[in-house]
Amino acid sequence: MLANAVRRMVDITVAVLVLVVGLPLLVAVAVAVRVRLGSPVLFRQRRLGLGGRPFDLVKFRTMRDPAPGREAPEFDTERLPRFGQVLRSTSVDELPSMLNLLRGDITLVGPRPLPEQYWTRYRGDEYERFWVKPGLTGLAQINGRNTVEWDQRLALDVQYVRTRSLRSDLSILIKTIPVVLGRAGVNHTEGVTMHALPTDRP
């Protein structure tokens, strides 16, 4: 399909440009993460991609190791230092994800890739999100980012899949710029990270 070929060409171009031009920044951030947060410098998490196939998403580490017994999400606030907050709010933590973009695990625009363990927690048409590749940004990201509750967030993913076009992708990319520059919606209203998708959804 021509549209997908265009998306892939753009993905490769953007990934190469960011990795080459941004190399000094990548190195500087990697050193800073190693000094401030320790190793590993990169955070890897199993996420679900096109067709529900898992892949390892790569980001810069932003959180300290949890204290014994305090691994749950409600303790994320104490694990996320100011340095990590800055990486997240500026989306600099996602620069290593350019490797996923280059490999074709993700694309620029699409439903955000979510953890592998969420597979059984989706309901009905929410599985349509796996008809396309996950993206670095999407409808949910320009409509509240992490402040959007799960039902609305997943509904926006389905809406994107059903109305997907190159024009809509371009519109989402343009609208993403002020969201990132304004650091809007980085933290959930109940904490510094989005709470997990519930297991007991109706």
C-alpha atoms as a PDB file:
ATOM      1  CA  MET A   1       0.000   0.000   0.000  1.00  0.00           C
ATOM      2  CA  LEU A   2       1.398   3.360  -1.073  1.00  0.00           C
ATOM      3  CA  ALA A   3       0.503   5.176   2.153  1.00  0.00           C
ATOM      4  CA  ASN A   4       2.368   2.616   4.261  1.00  0.00           C
ATOM      5  CA  ALA A   5       5.384   2.823   1.950  1.00  0.00           C
ATOM      6  CA  VAL A   6       5.407   6.609   2.380  1.00  0.00           C
ATOM      7  CA  ARG A   7       5.139   6.227   6.168  1.00  0.00           C
ATOM      8  CA  ARG A   8       8.045   3.791   6.200  1.00  0.00           C
ATOM      9  CA  MET A   9      10.227   6.073   4.095  1.00  0.00           C
ATOM     10  CA  VAL A  10       9.484   9.006   6.397  1.00  0.00           C
ATOM     11  CA  ASP A  11      10.144   6.867   9.497  1.00  0.00           C
ATOM     12  CA  ILE A  12      13.575   5.810   8.236  1.00  0.00           C
ATOM     13  CA  THR A  13      14.482   9.362   7.217  1.00  0.00           C
ATOM     14  CA  VAL A  14      13.475  10.848  10.569  1.00  0.00           C
ATOM     15  CA  ALA A  15      15.191   8.082  12.563  1.00  0.00           C
ATOM     16  CA  VAL A  16      18.479   8.446  10.689  1.00  0.00           C
ATOM     17  CA  LEU A  17      18.445  12.243  10.940  1.00  0.00           C
ATOM     18  CA  VAL A  18      17.710  12.242  14.664  1.00  0.00           C
ATOM     19  CA  LEU A  19      20.306   9.566  15.431  1.00  0.00           C
ATOM     20  CA  VAL A  20      23.014  11.279  13.371  1.00  0.00           C
ATOM     21  CA  VAL A  21      22.321  14.935  14.151  1.00  0.00           C
ATOM     22  CA  GLY A  22      21.373  14.199  17.730  1.00  0.00           C
ATOM     23  CA  LEU A  23      24.344  11.956  18.478  1.00  0.00           C
ATOM     24  CA  PRO A  24      26.108  14.504  20.737  1.00  0.00           C
ATOM     25  CA  LEU A  25      22.900  14.943  22.757  1.00  0.00           C
ATOM     26  CA  LEU A  26      22.371  11.186  22.972  1.00  0.00           C
ATOM     27  CA  VAL A  27      25.893  10.694  24.293  1.00  0.00           C
ATOM     28  CA  ALA A  28      25.574  13.579  26.776  1.00  0.00           C
ATOM     29  CA  VAL A  29      22.247  12.298  28.128  1.00  0.00           C
ATOM     30  CA  ALA A  30      23.586   8.746  28.375  1.00  0.00           C
ATOM     31  CA  VAL A  31      26.525   9.952  30.469  1.00  0.00           C
ATOM     32  CA  ALA A  32      24.229  12.062  32.659  1.00  0.00           C
ATOM     33  CA  VAL A  33      21.876   9.119  33.223  1.00  0.00           C
ATOM     34  CA  ARG A  34      24.800   6.877  34.151  1.00  0.00           C
ATOM     35  CA  VAL A  35      26.123   9.433  36.659  1.00  0.00           C
ATOM     36  CA  ARG A  36      22.791  10.434  38.199  1.00  0.00           C
ATOM     37  CA  LEU A  37      20.770   7.214  38.056  1.00  0.00           C
ATOM     38  CA  GLY A  38      23.329   4.472  37.556  1.00  0.00           C
ATOM     39  CA  SER A  39      23.107   1.592  35.140  1.00  0.00           C
ATOM     40  CA  PRO A  40      21.546   0.404  32.984  1.00  0.00           C
ATOM     41  CA  VAL A  41      21.370   3.650  31.061  1.00  0.00           C
ATOM     42  CA  LEU A  42      18.623   2.341  28.800  1.00  0.00           C
ATOM     43  CA  PHE A  43      15.194   1.212  29.935  1.00  0.00           C
ATOM     44  CA  ARG A  44      13.766  -1.700  27.969  1.00  0.00           C
ATOM     45  CA  GLN A  45      10.207  -2.934  28.241  1.00  0.00           C
ATOM     46  CA  ARG A  46       8.287  -5.550  26.296  1.00  0.00           C
ATOM     47  CA  ARG A  47       5.498  -3.836  24.346  1.00  0.00           C
ATOM     48  CA  LEU A  48       2.914  -5.048  21.828  1.00  0.00           C
ATOM     49  CA  GLY A  49       3.215  -3.997  18.200  1.00  0.00           C
ATOM     50  CA  LEU A  50       1.470  -4.651  14.897  1.00  0.00           C
ATOM     51  CA  GLY A  51      -0.780  -7.682  15.158  1.00  0.00           C
ATOM     52  CA  GLY A  52      -0.030  -7.974  18.853  1.00  0.00           C
ATOM     53  CA  ARG A  53       3.544  -9.076  18.223  1.00  0.00           C
ATOM     54  CA  PRO A  54       5.854  -8.159  21.120  1.00  0.00           C
ATOM     55  CA  PHE A  55       9.025  -6.112  20.798  1.00  0.00           C
ATOM     56  CA  ASP A  56      11.435  -4.380  23.192  1.00  0.00           C
ATOM     57  CA  LEU A  57      10.847  -0.634  23.378  1.00  0.00           C
ATOM     58  CA  VAL A  58      13.989   1.329  24.263  1.00  0.00           C
ATOM     59  CA  LYS A  59      14.108   4.597  26.222  1.00  0.00           C
ATOM     60  CA  PHE A  60      16.538   6.421  28.475  1.00  0.00           C
ATOM     61  CA  ARG A  61      16.183   5.417  32.091  1.00  0.00           C
ATOM     62  CA  THR A  62      14.423   8.091  34.177  1.00  0.00           C
ATOM     63  CA  MET A  63      13.797   6.401  37.548  1.00  0.00           C
ATOM     64  CA  ARG A  64      15.891   5.132  40.418  1.00  0.00           C
ATOM     65  CA  ASP A  65      15.786   1.486  41.438  1.00  0.00           C
ATOM     66  CA  PRO A  66      12.877   0.862  43.829  1.00  0.00           C
ATOM     67  CA  ALA A  67      13.456   0.192  47.509  1.00  0.00           C
ATOM     68  CA  PRO A  68      12.499  -3.318  48.645  1.00  0.00           C
ATOM     69  CA  GLY A  69       8.741  -3.637  48.822  1.00  0.00           C
ATOM     70  CA  ARG A  70       8.149  -0.342  46.989  1.00  0.00           C
ATOM     71  CA  GLU A  71       8.098  -1.510  43.379  1.00  0.00           C
ATOM     72  CA  ALA A  72       4.408  -0.683  42.746  1.00  0.00           C
ATOM     73  CA  PRO A  73       3.365   2.336  40.592  1.00  0.00           C
ATOM     74  CA  GLU A  74       2.141   4.269  43.644  1.00  0.00           C
ATOM     75  CA  PHE A  75       5.796   4.627  44.680  1.00  0.00           C
ATOM     76  CA  ASP A  76       6.897   6.085  41.326  1.00  0.00           C
ATOM     77  CA  THR A  77       6.887   9.622  42.741  1.00  0.00           C
ATOM     78  CA  GLU A  78       9.742   8.845  45.115  1.00  0.00           C
ATOM     79  CA  ARG A  79      11.668   7.014  42.395  1.00  0.00           C
ATOM     80  CA  LEU A  80      11.460   9.822  39.817  1.00  0.00           C
ATOM     81  CA  PRO A  81      14.033  12.566  40.545  1.00  0.00           C
ATOM     82  CA  ARG A  82      13.952  16.053  39.055  1.00  0.00           C
ATOM     83  CA  PHE A  83      16.441  14.966  36.399  1.00  0.00           C
ATOM     84  CA  GLY A  84      14.131  12.149  35.299  1.00  0.00           C
ATOM     85  CA  GLN A  85      11.149  14.493  35.260  1.00  0.00           C
ATOM     86  CA  VAL A  86      12.993  16.813  32.876  1.00  0.00           C
ATOM     87  CA  LEU A  87      13.857  13.929  30.535  1.00  0.00           C
ATOM     88  CA  ARG A  88      10.221  12.864  30.464  1.00  0.00           C
ATOM     89  CA  SER A  89       8.644  16.300  30.167  1.00  0.00           C
ATOM     90  CA  THR A  90      10.892  17.189  27.221  1.00  0.00           C
ATOM     91  CA  SER A  91      10.497  13.696  25.663  1.00  0.00           C
ATOM     92  CA  VAL A  92      14.301  13.413  25.558  1.00  0.00           C
ATOM     93  CA  ASP A  93      13.904  10.026  27.270  1.00  0.00           C
ATOM     94  CA  GLU A  94      12.321   8.767  24.037  1.00  0.00           C
ATOM     95  CA  LEU A  95      15.252   9.562  21.758  1.00  0.00           C
ATOM     96  CA  PRO A  96      16.575   5.958  21.905  1.00  0.00           C
ATOM     97  CA  SER A  97      13.182   4.879  20.529  1.00  0.00           C
ATOM     98  CA  MET A  98      14.524   6.093  17.186  1.00  0.00           C
ATOM     99  CA  LEU A  99      16.144   2.651  17.042  1.00  0.00           C
ATOM    100  CA  ASN A 100      12.674   1.087  17.227  1.00  0.00           C
ATOM    101  CA  LEU A 101      11.527   3.493  14.524  1.00  0.00           C
ATOM    102  CA  LEU A 102      14.467   2.541  12.323  1.00  0.00           C
ATOM    103  CA  ARG A 103      13.818  -1.183  12.839  1.00  0.00           C
ATOM    104  CA  GLY A 104      10.148  -0.783  11.986  1.00  0.00           C
ATOM    105  CA  ASP A 105       8.782  -1.786  15.391  1.00  0.00           C
ATOM    106  CA  ILE A 106       6.912   1.520  15.554  1.00  0.00           C
ATOM    107  CA  THR A 107       5.982   4.398  13.297  1.00  0.00           C
ATOM    108  CA  LEU A 108       5.766   8.141  13.882  1.00  0.00           C
ATOM    109  CA  VAL A 109       1.976   8.255  14.331  1.00  0.00           C
ATOM    110  CA  GLY A 110      -0.206   5.530  15.787  1.00  0.00           C
ATOM    111  CA  PRO A 111      -1.545   4.169  19.062  1.00  0.00           C
ATOM    112  CA  ARG A 112       1.136   4.316  21.738  1.00  0.00           C
ATOM    113  CA  PRO A 113       2.731   0.873  22.348  1.00  0.00           C
ATOM    114  CA  LEU A 114       1.556  -0.533  25.664  1.00  0.00           C
ATOM    115  CA  PRO A 115       3.013  -3.278  27.901  1.00  0.00           C
ATOM    116  CA  GLU A 116       2.716  -6.898  26.829  1.00  0.00           C
ATOM    117  CA  GLN A 117       0.731  -7.883  29.938  1.00  0.00           C
ATOM    118  CA  TYR A 118      -2.179  -5.650  28.888  1.00  0.00           C
ATOM    119  CA  TRP A 119      -3.193  -8.003  26.051  1.00  0.00           C
ATOM    120  CA  THR A 120      -6.026  -9.668  27.990  1.00  0.00           C
ATOM    121  CA  ARG A 121      -7.265  -6.360  29.439  1.00  0.00           C
ATOM    122  CA  TYR A 122      -8.598  -4.869  26.208  1.00  0.00           C
ATOM    123  CA  ARG A 123     -12.286  -5.144  25.392  1.00  0.00           C
ATOM    124  CA  GLY A 124     -14.139  -5.547  22.080  1.00  0.00           C
ATOM    125  CA  ASP A 125     -13.108  -3.132  19.346  1.00  0.00           C
ATOM    126  CA  GLU A 126     -10.108  -1.930  21.384  1.00  0.00           C
ATOM    127  CA  TYR A 127      -8.135  -4.742  19.740  1.00  0.00           C
ATOM    128  CA  GLU A 128      -8.389  -2.763  16.483  1.00  0.00           C
ATOM    129  CA  ARG A 129      -5.410  -0.741  17.765  1.00  0.00           C
ATOM    130  CA  PHE A 130      -3.252  -3.692  16.663  1.00  0.00           C
ATOM    131  CA  TRP A 131      -4.324  -3.365  13.037  1.00  0.00           C
ATOM    132  CA  VAL A 132      -1.620  -0.714  12.635  1.00  0.00           C
ATOM    133  CA  LYS A 133       1.869  -0.170  14.014  1.00  0.00           C
ATOM    134  CA  PRO A 134       2.107   1.650  17.334  1.00  0.00           C
ATOM    135  CA  GLY A 135       3.416   5.200  17.159  1.00  0.00           C
ATOM    136  CA  LEU A 136       5.555   7.738  18.949  1.00  0.00           C
ATOM    137  CA  THR A 137       2.566  10.058  19.021  1.00  0.00           C
ATOM    138  CA  GLY A 138      -1.134   9.731  18.350  1.00  0.00           C
ATOM    139  CA  LEU A 139      -4.612  11.116  18.986  1.00  0.00           C
ATOM    140  CA  ALA A 140      -4.406  10.463  22.728  1.00  0.00           C
ATOM    141  CA  GLN A 141      -1.099  12.329  22.946  1.00  0.00           C
ATOM    142  CA  ILE A 142      -2.536  15.494  21.395  1.00  0.00           C
ATOM    143  CA  ASN A 143      -5.726  15.242  23.456  1.00  0.00           C
ATOM    144  CA  GLY A 144      -4.323  15.201  26.968  1.00  0.00           C
ATOM    145  CA  ARG A 145      -1.409  12.776  26.852  1.00  0.00           C
ATOM    146  CA  ASN A 146      -1.176  10.939  30.209  1.00  0.00           C
ATOM    147  CA  THR A 147      -4.101  12.850  31.728  1.00  0.00           C
ATOM    148  CA  VAL A 148      -6.551  10.994  29.464  1.00  0.00           C
ATOM    149  CA  GLU A 149      -8.290   8.122  31.271  1.00  0.00           C
ATOM    150  CA  TRP A 150      -7.965   4.638  29.842  1.00  0.00           C
ATOM    151  CA  ASP A 151     -11.424   4.235  28.257  1.00  0.00           C
ATOM    152  CA  GLN A 152     -11.096   7.514  26.372  1.00  0.00           C
ATOM    153  CA  ARG A 153      -7.478   6.842  25.485  1.00  0.00           C
ATOM    154  CA  LEU A 154      -8.265   3.465  23.937  1.00  0.00           C
ATOM    155  CA  ALA A 155     -11.327   4.902  22.172  1.00  0.00           C
ATOM    156  CA  LEU A 156      -9.082   7.543  20.592  1.00  0.00           C
ATOM    157  CA  ASP A 157      -6.765   4.760  19.395  1.00  0.00           C
ATOM    158  CA  VAL A 158      -9.673   3.015  17.681  1.00  0.00           C
ATOM    159  CA  GLN A 159     -10.838   6.310  16.187  1.00  0.00           C
ATOM    160  CA  TYR A 160      -7.352   6.856  14.762  1.00  0.00           C
ATOM    161  CA  VAL A 161      -7.250   3.401  13.178  1.00  0.00           C
ATOM    162  CA  ARG A 162     -10.669   3.871  11.559  1.00  0.00           C
ATOM    163  CA  THR A 163      -9.899   7.323  10.149  1.00  0.00           C
ATOM    164  CA  ARG A 164      -6.199   6.888   9.423  1.00  0.00           C
ATOM    165  CA  SER A 165      -4.705   8.786   6.495  1.00  0.00           C
ATOM    166  CA  LEU A 166      -1.477  10.555   5.611  1.00  0.00           C
ATOM    167  CA  ARG A 167      -3.265  13.878   6.059  1.00  0.00           C
ATOM    168  CA  SER A 168      -4.426  12.950   9.564  1.00  0.00           C
ATOM    169  CA  ASP A 169      -0.918  11.735  10.425  1.00  0.00           C
ATOM    170  CA  LEU A 170       0.540  15.086   9.340  1.00  0.00           C
ATOM    171  CA  SER A 171      -2.069  16.938  11.388  1.00  0.00           C
ATOM    172  CA  ILE A 172      -1.240  14.882  14.491  1.00  0.00           C
ATOM    173  CA  LEU A 173       2.491  15.479  14.025  1.00  0.00           C
ATOM    174  CA  ILE A 174       1.963  19.238  13.747  1.00  0.00           C
ATOM    175  CA  LYS A 175      -0.266  19.284  16.839  1.00  0.00           C
ATOM    176  CA  THR A 176       2.301  17.208  18.765  1.00  0.00           C
ATOM    177  CA  ILE A 177       4.910  19.978  18.549  1.00  0.00           C
ATOM    178  CA  PRO A 178       3.206  22.455  20.930  1.00  0.00           C
ATOM    179  CA  VAL A 179       2.251  19.600  23.261  1.00  0.00           C
ATOM    180  CA  VAL A 180       5.895  18.534  23.613  1.00  0.00           C
ATOM    181  CA  LEU A 181       7.267  22.080  23.756  1.00  0.00           C
ATOM    182  CA  GLY A 182       4.667  23.033  26.339  1.00  0.00           C
ATOM    183  CA  ARG A 183       5.338  19.844  28.318  1.00  0.00           C
ATOM    184  CA  ALA A 184       1.586  19.317  28.593  1.00  0.00           C
ATOM    185  CA  GLY A 185      -0.002  16.225  30.128  1.00  0.00           C
ATOM    186  CA  VAL A 186       3.249  14.514  31.108  1.00  0.00           C
ATOM    187  CA  ASN A 187       2.016  13.441  34.541  1.00  0.00           C
ATOM    188  CA  HIS A 188      -1.247  11.726  35.332  1.00  0.00           C
ATOM    189  CA  THR A 189      -3.553  13.606  37.671  1.00  0.00           C
ATOM    190  CA  GLU A 190      -3.012  10.950  40.361  1.00  0.00           C
ATOM    191  CA  GLY A 191       0.753  10.583  40.100  1.00  0.00           C
ATOM    192  CA  VAL A 192       3.855  10.990  37.989  1.00  0.00           C
ATOM    193  CA  THR A 193       3.048   8.041  35.746  1.00  0.00           C
ATOM    194  CA  MET A 194      -0.111   6.742  34.097  1.00  0.00           C
ATOM    195  CA  HIS A 195      -1.752   4.150  36.312  1.00  0.00           C
ATOM    196  CA  ALA A 196      -1.905   0.615  34.943  1.00  0.00           C
ATOM    197  CA  LEU A 197      -4.752  -0.510  32.700  1.00  0.00           C
ATOM    198  CA  PRO A 198      -7.159  -2.228  35.155  1.00  0.00           C
ATOM    199  CA  THR A 199      -7.577  -5.989  35.023  1.00  0.00           C
ATOM    200  CA  ASP A 200     -11.251  -5.857  36.042  1.00  0.00           C
ATOM    201  CA  ARG A 201     -12.673  -3.647  33.307  1.00  0.00           C
ATOM    202  CA  PRO A 202     -16.348  -4.314  32.454  1.00  0.00           C
END
